[in-house]
Amino acid sequence: MARQLENIELVYINIDHFPQDPSTHYPVVLANSIAGDGDAIKEKLVDIYLTAFYAHNLPDWDKFNEALLQFNVKYFPAEQPDEKEEAEFSLDFRVKDATAPGGFLHRRIFKDVKIDDELELKLKLDEVDKKADIDNLTAIVTKTSIAEHLNLSAAKEYIKLGTDIYNAVAELTLKDDPIWNEVSVVLQRNYLSGGAAALKQGKYAIIATSDTKGKNLRYWNEAYENVTAKGKHLYVSTEGKQTRLKSNYLIFELDFHD
């Protein structure tokens, strides 16, 4: 059977009306079923964090799997405020099935992202076959602030350098098969309904609902009424018990500020 892309859904972790506590299970809702934050986030900058990736079962991989995540964002540069550009972050990581790899926990990847009424993201996840020698590129990254995050309010040359380096890492990584292929996420601050989703302060999760063989993975409620989030994991409530959600997912966070 030919490999397929995983189908995914975008959800929002609803912490709005609850005290933040790492031991608390927070409700999860579809991101296109709620309203955006509207004027509360108008003209604010946003920082983007990776919170967690959970690999339930990645295809064709042995005990230790290797993958490449590419996370792109469109933004208005400080030097060219009327035309959007695109910045890229890439993360090469190893992970065992049914575990969460390091390198994700509350990791800021973009700082001071300037947007208009919507935030446009693009994500890609690939299985890694083997890599070219990228030591020189990695050395450049680790000796600069680019290793921590891309500051999108900085000079255009700095942003271009960072994006070019991350893009080069991605290009020199020989991917075997895509798992998520350029997933487009459009979040709108005035969202009420339609084809996009709500732009809000807080955490989102991208969840695989089918695997690369086309098998339906959903065993939870379609409206996510029995799904919760605690810490860096998602859980499903069945027969009064909370067990970890058995699918691949990525959690990221948006933090708006002046």
C-alpha atoms as a PDB file:
ATOM      1  CA  MET A   1       0.000   0.000   0.000  1.00  0.00           C
ATOM      2  CA  ALA A   2       1.326   3.438  -0.935  1.00  0.00           C
ATOM      3  CA  ARG A   3       2.314   5.741   1.883  1.00  0.00           C
ATOM      4  CA  GLN A   4      -0.200   8.477   2.637  1.00  0.00           C
ATOM      5  CA  LEU A   5      -0.022  11.716   4.577  1.00  0.00           C
ATOM      6  CA  GLU A   6      -1.500  11.731   8.051  1.00  0.00           C
ATOM      7  CA  ASN A   7      -4.783  13.632   8.316  1.00  0.00           C
ATOM      8  CA  ILE A   8      -4.654  16.211  11.091  1.00  0.00           C
ATOM      9  CA  GLU A   9      -6.950  18.443  13.139  1.00  0.00           C
ATOM     10  CA  LEU A  10      -6.193  21.657  14.996  1.00  0.00           C
ATOM     11  CA  VAL A  11      -7.471  22.041  18.554  1.00  0.00           C
ATOM     12  CA  TYR A  12      -7.201  24.702  21.245  1.00  0.00           C
ATOM     13  CA  ILE A  13      -6.363  23.917  24.854  1.00  0.00           C
ATOM     14  CA  ASN A  14      -8.889  25.941  26.802  1.00  0.00           C
ATOM     15  CA  ILE A  15      -7.139  27.370  29.868  1.00  0.00           C
ATOM     16  CA  ASP A  16      -8.988  30.727  29.705  1.00  0.00           C
ATOM     17  CA  HIS A  17     -11.199  30.319  32.761  1.00  0.00           C
ATOM     18  CA  PHE A  18      -9.073  27.963  34.829  1.00  0.00           C
ATOM     19  CA  PRO A  19      -6.074  28.532  37.130  1.00  0.00           C
ATOM     20  CA  GLN A  20      -2.879  27.373  35.422  1.00  0.00           C
ATOM     21  CA  ASP A  21      -1.629  24.269  37.203  1.00  0.00           C
ATOM     22  CA  PRO A  22       0.649  21.584  35.660  1.00  0.00           C
ATOM     23  CA  SER A  23      -1.346  18.862  37.447  1.00  0.00           C
ATOM     24  CA  THR A  24      -4.720  20.019  36.057  1.00  0.00           C
ATOM     25  CA  HIS A  25      -6.517  18.445  33.091  1.00  0.00           C
ATOM     26  CA  TYR A  26      -7.690  21.276  30.810  1.00  0.00           C
ATOM     27  CA  PRO A  27     -10.493  20.884  28.245  1.00  0.00           C
ATOM     28  CA  VAL A  28      -9.680  20.689  24.534  1.00  0.00           C
ATOM     29  CA  VAL A  29     -11.902  22.126  21.778  1.00  0.00           C
ATOM     30  CA  LEU A  30     -11.715  22.328  18.005  1.00  0.00           C
ATOM     31  CA  ALA A  31      -9.987  25.596  17.071  1.00  0.00           C
ATOM     32  CA  ASN A  32     -12.655  26.346  14.454  1.00  0.00           C
ATOM     33  CA  SER A  33     -15.483  26.014  16.999  1.00  0.00           C
ATOM     34  CA  ILE A  34     -14.579  29.039  19.146  1.00  0.00           C
ATOM     35  CA  ALA A  35     -14.171  32.797  18.634  1.00  0.00           C
ATOM     36  CA  GLY A  36     -10.868  34.643  18.269  1.00  0.00           C
ATOM     37  CA  ASP A  37      -9.567  37.082  20.887  1.00  0.00           C
ATOM     38  CA  GLY A  38     -10.541  40.104  18.739  1.00  0.00           C
ATOM     39  CA  ASP A  39      -9.464  43.541  19.972  1.00  0.00           C
ATOM     40  CA  ALA A  40      -7.668  42.057  22.991  1.00  0.00           C
ATOM     41  CA  ILE A  41      -4.764  41.069  20.712  1.00  0.00           C
ATOM     42  CA  LYS A  42      -5.098  43.811  18.066  1.00  0.00           C
ATOM     43  CA  GLU A  43      -1.732  45.286  17.002  1.00  0.00           C
ATOM     44  CA  LYS A  44       0.152  43.117  19.493  1.00  0.00           C
ATOM     45  CA  LEU A  45       3.322  41.155  18.746  1.00  0.00           C
ATOM     46  CA  VAL A  46       3.330  37.406  19.272  1.00  0.00           C
ATOM     47  CA  ASP A  47       6.007  34.960  20.390  1.00  0.00           C
ATOM     48  CA  ILE A  48       5.672  31.345  19.231  1.00  0.00           C
ATOM     49  CA  TYR A  49       6.797  28.418  21.383  1.00  0.00           C
ATOM     50  CA  LEU A  50       7.049  24.686  20.835  1.00  0.00           C
ATOM     51  CA  THR A  51       5.588  22.971  23.896  1.00  0.00           C
ATOM     52  CA  ALA A  52       5.696  19.262  23.077  1.00  0.00           C
ATOM     53  CA  PHE A  53       5.754  16.612  20.379  1.00  0.00           C
ATOM     54  CA  TYR A  54       4.430  13.150  21.130  1.00  0.00           C
ATOM     55  CA  ALA A  55       5.273  10.239  18.851  1.00  0.00           C
ATOM     56  CA  HIS A  56       2.760   7.488  19.356  1.00  0.00           C
ATOM     57  CA  ASN A  57       3.725   5.490  16.273  1.00  0.00           C
ATOM     58  CA  LEU A  58       5.856   6.900  13.480  1.00  0.00           C
ATOM     59  CA  PRO A  59       6.038   4.893  10.237  1.00  0.00           C
ATOM     60  CA  ASP A  60       8.713   2.403   9.226  1.00  0.00           C
ATOM     61  CA  TRP A  61      11.009   3.314  12.079  1.00  0.00           C
ATOM     62  CA  ASP A  62      12.960   1.226  14.556  1.00  0.00           C
ATOM     63  CA  LYS A  63      13.483   1.822  18.282  1.00  0.00           C
ATOM     64  CA  PHE A  64      15.075   5.232  17.749  1.00  0.00           C
ATOM     65  CA  ASN A  65      13.431   7.295  15.023  1.00  0.00           C
ATOM     66  CA  GLU A  66      14.655  10.488  13.411  1.00  0.00           C
ATOM     67  CA  ALA A  67      12.440  13.228  12.057  1.00  0.00           C
ATOM     68  CA  LEU A  68      12.626  16.783  10.767  1.00  0.00           C
ATOM     69  CA  LEU A  69      10.025  19.392  11.750  1.00  0.00           C
ATOM     70  CA  GLN A  70       9.804  22.597   9.681  1.00  0.00           C
ATOM     71  CA  PHE A  71       7.741  25.422  11.179  1.00  0.00           C
ATOM     72  CA  ASN A  72       7.212  28.562   9.059  1.00  0.00           C
ATOM     73  CA  VAL A  73       5.458  31.836   9.891  1.00  0.00           C
ATOM     74  CA  LYS A  74       4.484  34.866   7.790  1.00  0.00           C
ATOM     75  CA  TYR A  75       5.229  38.256   9.374  1.00  0.00           C
ATOM     76  CA  PHE A  76       5.675  41.950   8.636  1.00  0.00           C
ATOM     77  CA  PRO A  77       9.377  42.948   8.816  1.00  0.00           C
ATOM     78  CA  ALA A  78      10.206  46.052  10.861  1.00  0.00           C
ATOM     79  CA  GLU A  79      11.996  47.541   7.821  1.00  0.00           C
ATOM     80  CA  GLN A  80       9.202  46.708   5.358  1.00  0.00           C
ATOM     81  CA  PRO A  81       5.942  46.908   7.335  1.00  0.00           C
ATOM     82  CA  ASP A  82       3.537  46.714   4.374  1.00  0.00           C
ATOM     83  CA  GLU A  83       4.545  43.378   2.850  1.00  0.00           C
ATOM     84  CA  LYS A  84       4.705  39.993   4.565  1.00  0.00           C
ATOM     85  CA  GLU A  85       7.790  37.803   4.496  1.00  0.00           C
ATOM     86  CA  GLU A  86       8.193  34.171   5.585  1.00  0.00           C
ATOM     87  CA  ALA A  87      10.603  32.894   8.230  1.00  0.00           C
ATOM     88  CA  GLU A  88      11.516  29.263   8.845  1.00  0.00           C
ATOM     89  CA  PHE A  89      12.564  27.215  11.845  1.00  0.00           C
ATOM     90  CA  SER A  90      13.758  23.599  11.472  1.00  0.00           C
ATOM     91  CA  LEU A  91      14.330  21.019  14.189  1.00  0.00           C
ATOM     92  CA  ASP A  92      15.954  17.630  13.601  1.00  0.00           C
ATOM     93  CA  PHE A  93      15.158  15.254  16.476  1.00  0.00           C
ATOM     94  CA  ARG A  94      15.272  11.619  17.534  1.00  0.00           C
ATOM     95  CA  VAL A  95      12.426   9.919  19.374  1.00  0.00           C
ATOM     96  CA  LYS A  96      11.174   6.484  20.399  1.00  0.00           C
ATOM     97  CA  ASP A  97       7.579   5.528  19.737  1.00  0.00           C
ATOM     98  CA  ALA A  98       5.228   6.297  22.650  1.00  0.00           C
ATOM     99  CA  THR A  99       7.558   9.012  23.990  1.00  0.00           C
ATOM    100  CA  ALA A 100       8.077  12.787  23.803  1.00  0.00           C
ATOM    101  CA  PRO A 101      11.532  13.904  22.572  1.00  0.00           C
ATOM    102  CA  GLY A 102      13.645  16.626  24.140  1.00  0.00           C
ATOM    103  CA  GLY A 103      14.111  20.041  22.551  1.00  0.00           C
ATOM    104  CA  PHE A 104      10.430  20.975  22.529  1.00  0.00           C
ATOM    105  CA  LEU A 105       9.459  21.893  26.093  1.00  0.00           C
ATOM    106  CA  HIS A 106       8.420  25.573  26.065  1.00  0.00           C
ATOM    107  CA  ARG A 107      11.024  26.374  23.409  1.00  0.00           C
ATOM    108  CA  ARG A 108      10.575  29.813  21.863  1.00  0.00           C
ATOM    109  CA  ILE A 109      11.207  29.612  18.116  1.00  0.00           C
ATOM    110  CA  PHE A 110       9.959  33.022  16.913  1.00  0.00           C
ATOM    111  CA  LYS A 111      10.072  36.304  18.850  1.00  0.00           C
ATOM    112  CA  ASP A 112       8.155  39.535  18.153  1.00  0.00           C
ATOM    113  CA  VAL A 113       6.117  38.301  15.182  1.00  0.00           C
ATOM    114  CA  LYS A 114       4.206  41.252  13.727  1.00  0.00           C
ATOM    115  CA  ILE A 115       0.928  40.267  12.056  1.00  0.00           C
ATOM    116  CA  ASP A 116      -2.332  41.874  10.935  1.00  0.00           C
ATOM    117  CA  ASP A 117      -5.700  40.261  11.659  1.00  0.00           C
ATOM    118  CA  GLU A 118      -4.444  36.742  11.030  1.00  0.00           C
ATOM    119  CA  LEU A 119      -1.501  34.506  11.772  1.00  0.00           C
ATOM    120  CA  GLU A 120      -0.346  32.249   8.924  1.00  0.00           C
ATOM    121  CA  LEU A 121       1.678  29.156   9.773  1.00  0.00           C
ATOM    122  CA  LYS A 122       2.977  26.248   7.701  1.00  0.00           C
ATOM    123  CA  LEU A 123       4.260  22.981   9.157  1.00  0.00           C
ATOM    124  CA  LYS A 124       6.007  19.995   7.624  1.00  0.00           C
ATOM    125  CA  LEU A 125       7.077  16.747   9.288  1.00  0.00           C
ATOM    126  CA  ASP A 126       9.336  14.273   7.490  1.00  0.00           C
ATOM    127  CA  GLU A 127      10.853  10.923   8.255  1.00  0.00           C
ATOM    128  CA  VAL A 128      14.647  11.283   8.005  1.00  0.00           C
ATOM    129  CA  ASP A 129      16.578   8.710   5.996  1.00  0.00           C
ATOM    130  CA  LYS A 130      20.100  10.030   6.448  1.00  0.00           C
ATOM    131  CA  LYS A 131      21.782  13.389   6.710  1.00  0.00           C
ATOM    132  CA  ALA A 132      24.545  15.142   4.873  1.00  0.00           C
ATOM    133  CA  ASP A 133      27.357  16.707   6.893  1.00  0.00           C
ATOM    134  CA  ILE A 134      25.738  19.780   8.430  1.00  0.00           C
ATOM    135  CA  ASP A 135      28.292  20.349  11.219  1.00  0.00           C
ATOM    136  CA  ASN A 136      29.409  23.711   9.798  1.00  0.00           C
ATOM    137  CA  LEU A 137      25.849  24.962   9.598  1.00  0.00           C
ATOM    138  CA  THR A 138      25.075  23.711  13.092  1.00  0.00           C
ATOM    139  CA  ALA A 139      28.172  25.457  14.437  1.00  0.00           C
ATOM    140  CA  ILE A 140      27.001  28.772  12.992  1.00  0.00           C
ATOM    141  CA  VAL A 141      23.595  28.337  14.607  1.00  0.00           C
ATOM    142  CA  THR A 142      24.873  27.384  18.060  1.00  0.00           C
ATOM    143  CA  LYS A 143      27.226  30.382  18.257  1.00  0.00           C
ATOM    144  CA  THR A 144      24.426  32.915  17.713  1.00  0.00           C
ATOM    145  CA  SER A 145      21.045  33.826  19.180  1.00  0.00           C
ATOM    146  CA  ILE A 146      19.547  32.018  16.164  1.00  0.00           C
ATOM    147  CA  ALA A 147      20.076  28.823  18.165  1.00  0.00           C
ATOM    148  CA  GLU A 148      17.483  30.065  20.662  1.00  0.00           C
ATOM    149  CA  HIS A 149      14.912  31.690  18.369  1.00  0.00           C
ATOM    150  CA  LEU A 150      14.463  34.015  15.415  1.00  0.00           C
ATOM    151  CA  ASN A 151      13.761  37.593  16.498  1.00  0.00           C
ATOM    152  CA  LEU A 152      11.432  38.849  13.757  1.00  0.00           C
ATOM    153  CA  SER A 153      11.697  42.481  14.856  1.00  0.00           C
ATOM    154  CA  ALA A 154      15.444  42.436  14.157  1.00  0.00           C
ATOM    155  CA  ALA A 155      17.277  43.557  11.026  1.00  0.00           C
ATOM    156  CA  LYS A 156      16.219  41.910   7.778  1.00  0.00           C
ATOM    157  CA  GLU A 157      19.724  40.540   7.150  1.00  0.00           C
ATOM    158  CA  TYR A 158      19.694  38.697  10.517  1.00  0.00           C
ATOM    159  CA  ILE A 159      16.297  37.157   9.813  1.00  0.00           C
ATOM    160  CA  LYS A 160      17.342  36.127   6.296  1.00  0.00           C
ATOM    161  CA  LEU A 161      20.523  34.523   7.669  1.00  0.00           C
ATOM    162  CA  GLY A 162      18.576  32.548  10.259  1.00  0.00           C
ATOM    163  CA  THR A 163      15.928  31.435   7.774  1.00  0.00           C
ATOM    164  CA  ASP A 164      18.569  30.502   5.182  1.00  0.00           C
ATOM    165  CA  ILE A 165      20.472  28.412   7.744  1.00  0.00           C
ATOM    166  CA  TYR A 166      17.368  26.540   8.875  1.00  0.00           C
ATOM    167  CA  ASN A 167      16.329  26.071   5.259  1.00  0.00           C
ATOM    168  CA  ALA A 168      19.791  24.712   4.412  1.00  0.00           C
ATOM    169  CA  VAL A 169      19.579  22.245   7.304  1.00  0.00           C
ATOM    170  CA  ALA A 170      16.233  21.071   5.917  1.00  0.00           C
ATOM    171  CA  GLU A 171      17.550  20.839   2.355  1.00  0.00           C
ATOM    172  CA  LEU A 172      20.633  18.858   3.395  1.00  0.00           C
ATOM    173  CA  THR A 173      18.537  16.417   5.403  1.00  0.00           C
ATOM    174  CA  LEU A 174      17.544  13.548   3.152  1.00  0.00           C
ATOM    175  CA  LYS A 175      13.884  12.878   3.873  1.00  0.00           C
ATOM    176  CA  ASP A 176      12.496   9.423   3.201  1.00  0.00           C
ATOM    177  CA  ASP A 177       8.776  10.179   3.311  1.00  0.00           C
ATOM    178  CA  PRO A 178       6.603  13.104   4.392  1.00  0.00           C
ATOM    179  CA  ILE A 179       4.251  12.575   7.326  1.00  0.00           C
ATOM    180  CA  TRP A 180       2.717  16.061   7.404  1.00  0.00           C
ATOM    181  CA  ASN A 181       3.307  17.860   4.092  1.00  0.00           C
ATOM    182  CA  GLU A 182       3.120  21.670   4.360  1.00  0.00           C
ATOM    183  CA  VAL A 183       0.123  21.799   6.660  1.00  0.00           C
ATOM    184  CA  SER A 184      -1.351  25.297   6.367  1.00  0.00           C
ATOM    185  CA  VAL A 185      -2.766  26.879   9.547  1.00  0.00           C
ATOM    186  CA  VAL A 186      -4.602  30.220   9.308  1.00  0.00           C
ATOM    187  CA  LEU A 187      -5.729  31.778  12.598  1.00  0.00           C
ATOM    188  CA  GLN A 188      -7.889  34.927  12.666  1.00  0.00           C
ATOM    189  CA  ARG A 189      -8.343  37.237  15.639  1.00  0.00           C
ATOM    190  CA  ASN A 190     -11.927  38.130  14.606  1.00  0.00           C
ATOM    191  CA  TYR A 191     -12.791  34.548  13.697  1.00  0.00           C
ATOM    192  CA  LEU A 192     -16.389  33.430  14.251  1.00  0.00           C
ATOM    193  CA  SER A 193     -16.836  30.664  11.667  1.00  0.00           C
ATOM    194  CA  GLY A 194     -15.616  29.568   8.247  1.00  0.00           C
ATOM    195  CA  GLY A 195     -12.559  27.899   6.769  1.00  0.00           C
ATOM    196  CA  ALA A 196      -9.902  29.235   9.135  1.00  0.00           C
ATOM    197  CA  ALA A 197      -9.731  28.980  12.944  1.00  0.00           C
ATOM    198  CA  ALA A 198      -9.621  31.203  16.025  1.00  0.00           C
ATOM    199  CA  LEU A 199      -6.509  33.226  16.874  1.00  0.00           C
ATOM    200  CA  LYS A 200      -6.123  33.329  20.638  1.00  0.00           C
ATOM    201  CA  GLN A 201      -3.582  33.633  23.411  1.00  0.00           C
ATOM    202  CA  GLY A 202      -2.603  30.156  24.597  1.00  0.00           C
ATOM    203  CA  LYS A 203      -1.838  26.622  23.455  1.00  0.00           C
ATOM    204  CA  TYR A 204      -2.860  24.700  20.345  1.00  0.00           C
ATOM    205  CA  ALA A 205      -2.334  21.092  19.314  1.00  0.00           C
ATOM    206  CA  ILE A 206      -2.088  19.516  15.876  1.00  0.00           C
ATOM    207  CA  ILE A 207      -3.340  15.931  16.154  1.00  0.00           C
ATOM    208  CA  ALA A 208      -3.077  13.135  13.597  1.00  0.00           C
ATOM    209  CA  THR A 209      -6.480  11.531  12.996  1.00  0.00           C
ATOM    210  CA  SER A 210      -5.195   8.935  10.506  1.00  0.00           C
ATOM    211  CA  ASP A 211      -1.839   7.259   9.951  1.00  0.00           C
ATOM    212  CA  THR A 212       0.324   6.952   6.838  1.00  0.00           C
ATOM    213  CA  LYS A 213      -1.501   3.759   5.850  1.00  0.00           C
ATOM    214  CA  GLY A 214      -4.815   5.627   5.781  1.00  0.00           C
ATOM    215  CA  LYS A 215      -6.069   3.952   8.959  1.00  0.00           C
ATOM    216  CA  ASN A 216      -8.504   6.041  11.028  1.00  0.00           C
ATOM    217  CA  LEU A 217      -6.944   6.689  14.449  1.00  0.00           C
ATOM    218  CA  ARG A 218      -9.845   8.528  16.043  1.00  0.00           C
ATOM    219  CA  TYR A 219     -11.264   6.739  19.066  1.00  0.00           C
ATOM    220  CA  TRP A 220     -12.132   9.956  20.891  1.00  0.00           C
ATOM    221  CA  ASN A 221     -15.230  12.135  20.593  1.00  0.00           C
ATOM    222  CA  GLU A 222     -15.364  14.165  17.337  1.00  0.00           C
ATOM    223  CA  ALA A 223     -15.931  17.378  19.321  1.00  0.00           C
ATOM    224  CA  TYR A 224     -13.060  16.413  21.690  1.00  0.00           C
ATOM    225  CA  GLU A 225     -15.395  16.457  24.688  1.00  0.00           C
ATOM    226  CA  ASN A 226     -13.494  13.540  26.251  1.00  0.00           C
ATOM    227  CA  VAL A 227     -10.003  14.899  25.481  1.00  0.00           C
ATOM    228  CA  THR A 228      -7.970  16.943  27.964  1.00  0.00           C
ATOM    229  CA  ALA A 229      -4.455  18.366  28.205  1.00  0.00           C
ATOM    230  CA  LYS A 230      -2.157  18.108  31.197  1.00  0.00           C
ATOM    231  CA  GLY A 231       1.434  19.296  31.081  1.00  0.00           C
ATOM    232  CA  LYS A 232       2.951  18.217  27.763  1.00  0.00           C
ATOM    233  CA  HIS A 233       0.477  15.389  27.083  1.00  0.00           C
ATOM    234  CA  LEU A 234      -3.065  14.922  25.800  1.00  0.00           C
ATOM    235  CA  TYR A 235      -5.423  12.448  27.438  1.00  0.00           C
ATOM    236  CA  VAL A 236      -8.633  10.627  26.554  1.00  0.00           C
ATOM    237  CA  SER A 237     -11.226   9.819  29.190  1.00  0.00           C
ATOM    238  CA  THR A 238     -12.771   6.358  28.750  1.00  0.00           C
ATOM    239  CA  GLU A 239     -14.865   4.609  31.380  1.00  0.00           C
ATOM    240  CA  GLY A 240     -13.723   7.085  34.009  1.00  0.00           C
ATOM    241  CA  LYS A 241     -10.006   6.592  33.312  1.00  0.00           C
ATOM    242  CA  GLN A 242      -7.591   9.176  31.844  1.00  0.00           C
ATOM    243  CA  THR A 243      -5.097   7.592  29.424  1.00  0.00           C
ATOM    244  CA  ARG A 244      -2.659   9.264  27.030  1.00  0.00           C
ATOM    245  CA  LEU A 245      -4.049   9.966  23.585  1.00  0.00           C
ATOM    246  CA  LYS A 246      -2.703   7.357  21.169  1.00  0.00           C
ATOM    247  CA  SER A 247      -1.742   9.440  18.151  1.00  0.00           C
ATOM    248  CA  ASN A 248       1.073  11.704  16.961  1.00  0.00           C
ATOM    249  CA  TYR A 249       0.630  15.335  17.995  1.00  0.00           C
ATOM    250  CA  LEU A 250       2.449  18.646  18.307  1.00  0.00           C
ATOM    251  CA  ILE A 251       1.608  21.286  20.926  1.00  0.00           C
ATOM    252  CA  PHE A 252       2.615  24.909  20.339  1.00  0.00           C
ATOM    253  CA  GLU A 253       1.878  28.135  22.208  1.00  0.00           C
ATOM    254  CA  LEU A 254       1.155  31.743  21.234  1.00  0.00           C
ATOM    255  CA  ASP A 255       2.054  34.550  23.646  1.00  0.00           C
ATOM    256  CA  PHE A 256       0.834  38.051  22.704  1.00  0.00           C
ATOM    257  CA  HIS A 257       2.515  41.154  24.091  1.00  0.00           C
ATOM    258  CA  ASP A 258       3.088  44.866  23.415  1.00  0.00           C
END
